[in-house]
PDB file of N, CA and C in Angstrom:
ATOM      1  N   VAL A   1       0.762  -1.296  -0.206  1.00  0.00           N
ATOM      2  CA  VAL A   1       0.070  -0.107  -0.100  1.00  0.00           C
ATOM      3  C   VAL A   1       0.961   1.483  -0.053  1.00  0.00           C
ATOM      4  N   ARG A   2       0.470   2.142  -0.962  1.00  0.00           N
ATOM      5  CA  ARG A   2       1.260   3.249  -1.143  1.00  0.00           C
ATOM      6  C   ARG A   2       1.360   4.191   0.340  1.00  0.00           C
ATOM      7  N   ASP A   3       2.265   4.807   0.849  1.00  0.00           N
ATOM      8  CA  ASP A   3       1.850   5.641   2.043  1.00  0.00           C
ATOM      9  C   ASP A   3       1.530   6.997   1.537  1.00  0.00           C
ATOM     10  N   ASP A   4       1.337   7.670   0.145  1.00  0.00           N
ATOM     11  CA  ASP A   4       0.769   9.107   0.065  1.00  0.00           C
ATOM     12  C   ASP A   4      -0.676   8.897  -0.074  1.00  0.00           C
ATOM     13  N   LEU A   5      -1.637   7.410  -0.135  1.00  0.00           N
ATOM     14  CA  LEU A   5      -2.685   7.317   0.114  1.00  0.00           C
ATOM     15  C   LEU A   5      -3.446   7.872   1.439  1.00  0.00           C
ATOM     16  N   PRO A   6      -4.622   8.551   1.167  1.00  0.00           N
ATOM     17  CA  PRO A   6      -5.327   8.873   2.239  1.00  0.00           C
ATOM     18  C   PRO A   6      -5.780   7.627   3.061  1.00  0.00           C
ATOM     19  N   ALA A   7      -6.104   7.553   4.301  1.00  0.00           N
ATOM     20  CA  ALA A   7      -6.389   6.280   5.375  1.00  0.00           C
ATOM     21  C   ALA A   7      -7.148   5.667   4.719  1.00  0.00           C
ATOM     22  N   GLY A   8      -8.469   6.612   4.484  1.00  0.00           N
ATOM     23  CA  GLY A   8      -9.734   5.873   3.950  1.00  0.00           C
ATOM     24  C   GLY A   8      -9.569   5.071   2.596  1.00  0.00           C
ATOM     25  N   ASP A   9      -8.441   5.575   1.638  1.00  0.00           N
ATOM     26  CA  ASP A   9      -8.371   4.612   0.466  1.00  0.00           C
ATOM     27  C   ASP A   9      -7.865   3.733   0.870  1.00  0.00           C
ATOM     28  N   VAL A  10      -6.960   3.667   1.666  1.00  0.00           N
ATOM     29  CA  VAL A  10      -6.166   2.350   1.968  1.00  0.00           C
ATOM     30  C   VAL A  10      -7.146   0.994   2.711  1.00  0.00           C
ATOM     31  N   VAL A  11      -7.902   1.639   3.491  1.00  0.00           N
ATOM     32  CA  VAL A  11      -9.058   0.699   3.954  1.00  0.00           C
ATOM     33  C   VAL A  11     -10.259   0.293   2.833  1.00  0.00           C
ATOM     34  N   ARG A  12     -10.469   1.368   2.013  1.00  0.00           N
ATOM     35  CA  ARG A  12     -11.239   0.953   1.021  1.00  0.00           C
ATOM     36  C   ARG A  12     -10.600  -0.530   0.290  1.00  0.00           C
ATOM     37  N   ARG A  13      -9.266  -0.058   0.074  1.00  0.00           N
ATOM     38  CA  ARG A  13      -8.647  -1.104  -1.117  1.00  0.00           C
ATOM     39  C   ARG A  13      -8.563  -2.585  -0.336  1.00  0.00           C
ATOM     40  N   ALA A  14      -8.030  -2.154   0.952  1.00  0.00           N
ATOM     41  CA  ALA A  14      -8.260  -3.798   1.733  1.00  0.00           C
ATOM     42  C   ALA A  14      -9.665  -4.431   1.533  1.00  0.00           C
ATOM     43  N   GLU A  15     -10.790  -3.815   1.749  1.00  0.00           N
ATOM     44  CA  GLU A  15     -11.866  -4.058   1.592  1.00  0.00           C
ATOM     45  C   GLU A  15     -12.305  -4.400   0.271  1.00  0.00           C
ATOM     46  N   VAL A  16     -11.881  -4.217  -0.930  1.00  0.00           N
ATOM     47  CA  VAL A  16     -12.011  -4.563  -2.314  1.00  0.00           C
ATOM     48  C   VAL A  16     -11.403  -5.753  -2.427  1.00  0.00           C
ATOM     49  N   THR A  17     -10.150  -5.712  -1.637  1.00  0.00           N
ATOM     50  CA  THR A  17      -9.295  -7.107  -2.130  1.00  0.00           C
ATOM     51  C   THR A  17      -9.773  -8.096  -1.207  1.00  0.00           C
ATOM     52  N   ARG A  18     -10.354  -8.207   0.110  1.00  0.00           N
ATOM     53  CA  ARG A  18     -10.947  -9.310   0.748  1.00  0.00           C
ATOM     54  C   ARG A  18     -12.077  -9.427   0.034  1.00  0.00           C
ATOM     55  N   ALA A  19     -13.119  -9.026  -0.553  1.00  0.00           N
ATOM     56  CA  ALA A  19     -14.098  -9.336  -1.279  1.00  0.00           C
ATOM     57  C   ALA A  19     -13.740 -10.185  -2.347  1.00  0.00           C
ATOM     58  N   ARG A  20     -12.701  -9.759  -3.275  1.00  0.00           N
ATOM     59  CA  ARG A  20     -12.373 -10.300  -3.970  1.00  0.00           C
ATOM     60  C   ARG A  20     -11.870 -12.000  -3.913  1.00  0.00           C
ATOM     61  N   ALA A  21     -11.226 -12.091  -2.983  1.00  0.00           N
ATOM     62  CA  ALA A  21     -10.601 -13.211  -2.288  1.00  0.00           C
ATOM     63  C   ALA A  21     -11.638 -13.877  -1.952  1.00  0.00           C
ATOM     64  N   GLU A  22     -12.943 -13.435  -1.364  1.00  0.00           N
ATOM     65  CA  GLU A  22     -13.689 -14.552  -0.716  1.00  0.00           C
ATOM     66  C   GLU A  22     -14.178 -15.133  -1.560  1.00  0.00           C
ATOM     67  N   PRO A  23     -14.406 -15.315  -2.919  1.00  0.00           N
ATOM     68  CA  PRO A  23     -14.945 -16.602  -3.976  1.00  0.00           C
ATOM     69  C   PRO A  23     -13.801 -17.456  -3.474  1.00  0.00           C
ATOM     70  N   ALA A  24     -12.463 -17.405  -3.716  1.00  0.00           N
ATOM     71  CA  ALA A  24     -11.389 -18.518  -3.626  1.00  0.00           C
ATOM     72  C   ALA A  24     -11.610 -19.240  -2.310  1.00  0.00           C
ATOM     73  N   ARG A  25     -12.034 -18.254  -1.270  1.00  0.00           N
ATOM     74  CA  ARG A  25     -11.903 -18.796   0.016  1.00  0.00           C
ATOM     75  C   ARG A  25     -12.957 -19.910   0.033  1.00  0.00           C
ATOM     76  N   ALA A  26     -14.385 -19.479  -0.502  1.00  0.00           N
ATOM     77  CA  ALA A  26     -15.471 -20.521  -0.179  1.00  0.00           C
ATOM     78  C   ALA A  26     -15.160 -21.787  -1.047  1.00  0.00           C
ATOM     79  N   LEU A  27     -14.466 -21.315  -2.048  1.00  0.00           N
ATOM     80  CA  LEU A  27     -14.293 -22.516  -3.019  1.00  0.00           C
ATOM     81  C   LEU A  27     -13.399 -23.555  -2.523  1.00  0.00           C
ATOM     82  N   VAL A  28     -12.361 -22.955  -1.385  1.00  0.00           N
ATOM     83  CA  VAL A  28     -11.531 -23.888  -0.505  1.00  0.00           C
ATOM     84  C   VAL A  28     -12.039 -24.855   0.413  1.00  0.00           C
ATOM     85  N   ARG A  29     -13.196 -23.655   0.839  1.00  0.00           N
ATOM     86  CA  ARG A  29     -13.550 -24.734   1.883  1.00  0.00           C
ATOM     87  C   ARG A  29     -14.273 -25.800   1.350  1.00  0.00           C
ATOM     88  N   VAL A  30     -15.066 -25.447   0.325  1.00  0.00           N
ATOM     89  CA  VAL A  30     -15.829 -26.674  -0.353  1.00  0.00           C
ATOM     90  C   VAL A  30     -15.367 -27.719  -0.746  1.00  0.00           C
ATOM     91  N   LEU A  31     -14.123 -27.687  -1.194  1.00  0.00           N
ATOM     92  CA  LEU A  31     -12.798 -28.630  -1.561  1.00  0.00           C
ATOM     93  C   LEU A  31     -12.455 -29.280  -0.575  1.00  0.00           C
ATOM     94  N   ARG A  32     -12.466 -28.548   0.528  1.00  0.00           N
ATOM     95  CA  ARG A  32     -11.707 -29.511   1.998  1.00  0.00           C
ATOM     96  C   ARG A  32     -12.814 -30.123   2.670  1.00  0.00           C
ATOM     97  N   SER A  33     -14.058 -29.429   2.482  1.00  0.00           N
ATOM     98  CA  SER A  33     -15.085 -30.576   2.649  1.00  0.00           C
ATOM     99  C   SER A  33     -15.236 -31.732   2.022  1.00  0.00           C
ATOM    100  N   LEU A  34     -15.287 -31.334   0.841  1.00  0.00           N
ATOM    101  CA  LEU A  34     -15.486 -32.895  -0.302  1.00  0.00           C
ATOM    102  C   LEU A  34     -14.341 -33.694   0.142  1.00  0.00           C
ATOM    103  N   LYS A  35     -12.984 -33.171   0.423  1.00  0.00           N
ATOM    104  CA  LYS A  35     -11.947 -34.161   0.446  1.00  0.00           C
ATOM    105  C   LYS A  35     -12.379 -35.096   2.111  1.00  0.00           C
ATOM    106  N   ARG A  36     -12.541 -34.124   2.910  1.00  0.00           N
ATOM    107  CA  ARG A  36     -13.229 -35.192   4.266  1.00  0.00           C
ATOM    108  C   ARG A  36     -14.128 -35.964   4.034  1.00  0.00           C
ATOM    109  N   GLU A  37     -15.113 -35.773   3.133  1.00  0.00           N
ATOM    110  CA  GLU A  37     -15.842 -36.718   2.929  1.00  0.00           C
ATOM    111  C   GLU A  37     -15.761 -37.586   2.286  1.00  0.00           C
ATOM    112  N   ALA A  38     -14.767 -37.688   1.004  1.00  0.00           N
ATOM    113  CA  ALA A  38     -14.146 -38.506   0.293  1.00  0.00           C
ATOM    114  C   ALA A  38     -13.176 -39.666   1.261  1.00  0.00           C
ATOM    115  N   GLU A  39     -12.569 -38.636   2.281  1.00  0.00           N
ATOM    116  CA  GLU A  39     -11.589 -39.552   3.095  1.00  0.00           C
ATOM    117  C   GLU A  39     -12.525 -40.710   4.113  1.00  0.00           C
ATOM    118  N   ALA A  40     -13.847 -39.815   4.546  1.00  0.00           N
ATOM    119  CA  ALA A  40     -14.447 -40.926   5.569  1.00  0.00           C
ATOM    120  C   ALA A  40     -15.234 -41.870   4.751  1.00  0.00           C
ATOM    121  N   ALA A  41     -15.473 -41.661   3.414  1.00  0.00           N
ATOM    122  CA  ALA A  41     -16.035 -43.058   2.894  1.00  0.00           C
ATOM    123  C   ALA A  41     -15.143 -43.772   2.592  1.00  0.00           C
ATOM    124  N   GLU A  42     -14.281 -43.622   2.240  1.00  0.00           N
ATOM    125  CA  GLU A  42     -12.908 -44.411   2.142  1.00  0.00           C
ATOM    126  C   GLU A  42     -12.386 -45.310   3.181  1.00  0.00           C
ATOM    127  N   VAL A  43     -12.462 -44.389   4.016  1.00  0.00           N
ATOM    128  CA  VAL A  43     -12.424 -44.966   5.736  1.00  0.00           C
ATOM    129  C   VAL A  43     -13.480 -46.170   5.985  1.00  0.00           C
ATOM    130  N   ALA A  44     -14.844 -45.899   5.738  1.00  0.00           N
ATOM    131  CA  ALA A  44     -15.869 -46.975   5.649  1.00  0.00           C
ATOM    132  C   ALA A  44     -15.898 -48.105   4.643  1.00  0.00           C
ATOM    133  N   ARG A  45     -15.650 -47.900   3.808  1.00  0.00           N
ATOM    134  CA  ARG A  45     -15.258 -48.916   2.490  1.00  0.00           C
ATOM    135  C   ARG A  45     -14.210 -49.765   3.062  1.00  0.00           C
ATOM    136  N   GLN A  46     -13.143 -49.259   3.539  1.00  0.00           N
ATOM    137  CA  GLN A  46     -11.907 -50.220   4.000  1.00  0.00           C
ATOM    138  C   GLN A  46     -12.918 -51.253   5.484  1.00  0.00           C
ATOM    139  N   TRP A  47     -13.208 -50.379   6.347  1.00  0.00           N
ATOM    140  CA  TRP A  47     -14.116 -51.345   7.457  1.00  0.00           C
ATOM    141  C   TRP A  47     -14.923 -52.659   6.686  1.00  0.00           C
ATOM    142  N   GLU A  48     -15.573 -52.062   5.824  1.00  0.00           N
ATOM    143  CA  GLU A  48     -16.588 -53.083   5.133  1.00  0.00           C
ATOM    144  C   GLU A  48     -15.769 -54.254   4.635  1.00  0.00           C
ATOM    145  N   LEU A  49     -14.598 -54.155   3.975  1.00  0.00           N
ATOM    146  CA  LEU A  49     -13.548 -54.920   3.557  1.00  0.00           C
ATOM    147  C   LEU A  49     -12.829 -55.949   4.138  1.00  0.00           C
ATOM    148  N   TRP A  50     -12.960 -55.320   5.834  1.00  0.00           N
ATOM    149  CA  TRP A  50     -12.078 -55.757   6.662  1.00  0.00           C
ATOM    150  C   TRP A  50     -13.058 -57.133   7.192  1.00  0.00           C
TER     151      TRP A  50
END
């Protein structure tokens, strides 16, 4: 962040950056959830084979 920007602009820029990053964060949460479900299903399958 450049020092010559007024404080309000710095805050606004941070909010915009955060808003742009949020969809990616949501996607990561979904993918992690799917990974956990897949791992749980694999454990259950291993138990059935045992």
